[in-house]
Amino acid sequence: MGNLLYLIAVILVISWAIGFFAYSAGGLIHILLIVAIIAVLFRVISGRKAV
């Protein structure tokens, strides 16, 4: 489950970066970035290590 959260967070950060530099998509891209940051923080706080 931790790997899945990390993968989703990475995909969302990449999507945010593409959206930020390629076109203006309004607040949706920034919401995705916040969700990605929350997923990463949740993984760090839970203390689970990737295998």
Protein backbone atom coordinates (compact mmCIF):
# COMPACT_ATOMS: atom_id res chain seq x y z
CA MET A 1 0.00 0.00 0.00
CA GLY A 2 2.88 2.37 0.73
CA ASN A 3 4.37 1.84 -2.70
CA LEU A 4 1.01 2.63 -4.28
CA LEU A 5 0.72 5.91 -2.34
CA TYR A 6 4.26 6.85 -3.32
CA LEU A 7 3.54 6.06 -6.99
CA ILE A 8 0.36 8.15 -6.94
CA ALA A 9 2.21 11.02 -5.29
CA VAL A 10 4.95 10.94 -7.92
CA ILE A 11 2.41 10.85 -10.75
CA LEU A 12 0.51 13.79 -9.26
CA VAL A 13 3.67 15.85 -8.81
CA ILE A 14 4.69 15.18 -12.41
CA SER A 15 1.18 16.11 -13.56
CA TRP A 16 1.36 19.32 -11.57
CA ALA A 17 4.74 20.20 -13.07
CA ILE A 18 3.49 19.56 -16.61
CA GLY A 19 0.37 21.60 -15.94
CA PHE A 20 2.32 24.42 -14.33
CA PHE A 21 4.82 24.78 -17.16
CA ALA A 22 2.76 23.73 -20.20
CA TYR A 23 -0.61 25.41 -19.69
CA SER A 24 -2.79 27.10 -17.15
CA ALA A 25 -5.36 24.63 -15.81
CA GLY A 26 -6.64 26.75 -12.95
CA GLY A 27 -6.83 25.38 -9.43
CA LEU A 28 -7.14 21.71 -10.38
CA ILE A 29 -3.40 21.17 -10.82
CA HIS A 30 -2.67 22.82 -7.49
CA ILE A 31 -5.24 20.63 -5.77
CA LEU A 32 -3.47 17.60 -7.25
CA LEU A 33 -0.18 18.88 -5.87
CA ILE A 34 -1.67 19.24 -2.40
CA VAL A 35 -3.04 15.69 -2.58
CA ALA A 36 0.41 14.42 -3.62
CA ILE A 37 2.10 16.23 -0.73
CA ILE A 38 -0.44 14.83 1.72
CA ALA A 39 0.18 11.30 0.39
CA VAL A 40 3.94 11.68 0.83
CA LEU A 41 3.55 13.12 4.33
CA PHE A 42 1.21 10.28 5.27
CA ARG A 43 3.84 7.80 4.13
CA VAL A 44 6.59 9.55 6.08
CA ILE A 45 4.50 9.87 9.24
CA SER A 46 3.35 6.24 9.09
CA GLY A 47 7.02 5.20 8.99
CA ARG A 48 6.55 2.41 6.49
CA LYS A 49 9.61 1.42 4.52
CA ALA A 50 9.49 0.42 0.86
CA VAL A 51 10.59 -3.14 0.20
